[in-house]
Amino acid sequence: MSFTLNSKKIAAALLATTLVMSLSACSSWDKRSRNTAIGAGAGAVGGAVLTDGSALGTLGGAAVGGIIGHQVGK
């Protein structure tokens, strides 16, 4: 089964949506933890879109987004 670039982007968007929806159930987390997780999710989506679905770009985006999300609440 071969995937086209468009289906990779759709899969990444669906994965990110699932991540955000599942994180919304974590109401017992403190604000900094939530910001870190949301930043990581948003960064992963951004990294995947900017690098055309590259795994390294997705992971790098998640790492940068998580760091930014963690620092926002300081």
C-alpha atoms as a PDB file:
ATOM      1  CA  MET A   1       0.000   0.000   0.000  1.00  0.00           C
ATOM      2  CA  SER A   2       1.602   3.261  -1.052  1.00  0.00           C
ATOM      3  CA  PHE A   3       0.865   6.573   0.569  1.00  0.00           C
ATOM      4  CA  THR A   4       0.881   9.842  -1.257  1.00  0.00           C
ATOM      5  CA  LEU A   5       2.042  13.080   0.262  1.00  0.00           C
ATOM      6  CA  ASN A   6      -1.535  14.217   0.796  1.00  0.00           C
ATOM      7  CA  SER A   7      -2.509  11.099   2.713  1.00  0.00           C
ATOM      8  CA  LYS A   8       0.539  11.559   4.965  1.00  0.00           C
ATOM      9  CA  LYS A   9      -0.565  15.082   5.783  1.00  0.00           C
ATOM     10  CA  ILE A  10      -4.104  13.905   6.485  1.00  0.00           C
ATOM     11  CA  ALA A  11      -2.795  11.123   8.724  1.00  0.00           C
ATOM     12  CA  ALA A  12      -0.607  13.601  10.630  1.00  0.00           C
ATOM     13  CA  ALA A  13      -3.550  15.964  11.097  1.00  0.00           C
ATOM     14  CA  LEU A  14      -5.770  13.146  12.343  1.00  0.00           C
ATOM     15  CA  LEU A  15      -3.079  12.002  14.746  1.00  0.00           C
ATOM     16  CA  ALA A  16      -2.640  15.518  16.077  1.00  0.00           C
ATOM     17  CA  THR A  17      -6.394  15.943  16.475  1.00  0.00           C
ATOM     18  CA  THR A  18      -6.572  12.678  18.390  1.00  0.00           C
ATOM     19  CA  LEU A  19      -3.709  13.818  20.598  1.00  0.00           C
ATOM     20  CA  VAL A  20      -5.353  17.154  21.379  1.00  0.00           C
ATOM     21  CA  MET A  21      -8.690  15.490  22.110  1.00  0.00           C
ATOM     22  CA  SER A  22      -7.090  12.955  24.427  1.00  0.00           C
ATOM     23  CA  LEU A  23      -5.148  15.667  26.241  1.00  0.00           C
ATOM     24  CA  SER A  24      -8.328  17.581  26.907  1.00  0.00           C
ATOM     25  CA  ALA A  25      -9.361  14.704  29.170  1.00  0.00           C
ATOM     26  CA  CYS A  26      -6.370  15.366  31.440  1.00  0.00           C
ATOM     27  CA  SER A  27      -8.040  18.025  33.559  1.00  0.00           C
ATOM     28  CA  SER A  28      -6.057  17.064  36.645  1.00  0.00           C
ATOM     29  CA  TRP A  29      -2.788  18.246  35.055  1.00  0.00           C
ATOM     30  CA  ASP A  30      -1.349  21.548  36.166  1.00  0.00           C
ATOM     31  CA  LYS A  31      -1.175  24.434  33.701  1.00  0.00           C
ATOM     32  CA  ARG A  32       2.505  23.963  32.857  1.00  0.00           C
ATOM     33  CA  SER A  33       2.068  20.257  32.058  1.00  0.00           C
ATOM     34  CA  ARG A  34      -0.909  20.987  29.825  1.00  0.00           C
ATOM     35  CA  ASN A  35       0.989  23.755  28.031  1.00  0.00           C
ATOM     36  CA  THR A  36       3.934  21.421  27.485  1.00  0.00           C
ATOM     37  CA  ALA A  37       1.759  18.675  26.030  1.00  0.00           C
ATOM     38  CA  ILE A  38      -0.228  21.056  23.830  1.00  0.00           C
ATOM     39  CA  GLY A  39       2.982  22.703  22.615  1.00  0.00           C
ATOM     40  CA  ALA A  40       4.457  19.315  21.779  1.00  0.00           C
ATOM     41  CA  GLY A  41       1.348  18.323  19.845  1.00  0.00           C
ATOM     42  CA  ALA A  42       1.204  21.584  17.935  1.00  0.00           C
ATOM     43  CA  GLY A  43       4.940  21.441  17.260  1.00  0.00           C
ATOM     44  CA  ALA A  44       4.653  17.898  15.945  1.00  0.00           C
ATOM     45  CA  VAL A  45       1.947  18.940  13.511  1.00  0.00           C
ATOM     46  CA  GLY A  46       3.924  21.989  12.423  1.00  0.00           C
ATOM     47  CA  GLY A  47       7.089  19.959  11.983  1.00  0.00           C
ATOM     48  CA  ALA A  48       5.265  17.298   9.980  1.00  0.00           C
ATOM     49  CA  VAL A  49       3.651  19.854   7.685  1.00  0.00           C
ATOM     50  CA  LEU A  50       6.828  21.877   7.150  1.00  0.00           C
ATOM     51  CA  THR A  51       8.961  18.802   6.385  1.00  0.00           C
ATOM     52  CA  ASP A  52       6.366  16.944   4.290  1.00  0.00           C
ATOM     53  CA  GLY A  53       5.805  14.256   6.907  1.00  0.00           C
ATOM     54  CA  SER A  54       9.434  13.583   7.822  1.00  0.00           C
ATOM     55  CA  ALA A  55       9.781  11.667  11.090  1.00  0.00           C
ATOM     56  CA  LEU A  56      12.756  13.795  12.119  1.00  0.00           C
ATOM     57  CA  GLY A  57      10.846  16.998  11.396  1.00  0.00           C
ATOM     58  CA  THR A  58       7.857  15.750  13.387  1.00  0.00           C
ATOM     59  CA  LEU A  59      10.001  14.805  16.387  1.00  0.00           C
ATOM     60  CA  GLY A  60      11.978  18.035  16.186  1.00  0.00           C
ATOM     61  CA  GLY A  61       8.783  20.062  16.031  1.00  0.00           C
ATOM     62  CA  ALA A  62       7.383  18.192  19.027  1.00  0.00           C
ATOM     63  CA  ALA A  63      10.552  18.832  21.033  1.00  0.00           C
ATOM     64  CA  VAL A  64      10.650  22.550  20.213  1.00  0.00           C
ATOM     65  CA  GLY A  65       6.909  22.927  20.786  1.00  0.00           C
ATOM     66  CA  GLY A  66       7.137  21.150  24.129  1.00  0.00           C
ATOM     67  CA  ILE A  67       9.948  23.419  25.285  1.00  0.00           C
ATOM     68  CA  ILE A  68       8.059  26.533  24.213  1.00  0.00           C
ATOM     69  CA  GLY A  69       4.857  25.286  25.848  1.00  0.00           C
ATOM     70  CA  HIS A  70       6.740  24.581  29.073  1.00  0.00           C
ATOM     71  CA  GLN A  71       8.269  28.065  29.127  1.00  0.00           C
ATOM     72  CA  VAL A  72       5.002  29.890  28.404  1.00  0.00           C
ATOM     73  CA  GLY A  73       3.673  29.303  31.898  1.00  0.00           C
ATOM     74  CA  LYS A  74       6.738  30.618  33.750  1.00  0.00           C
END
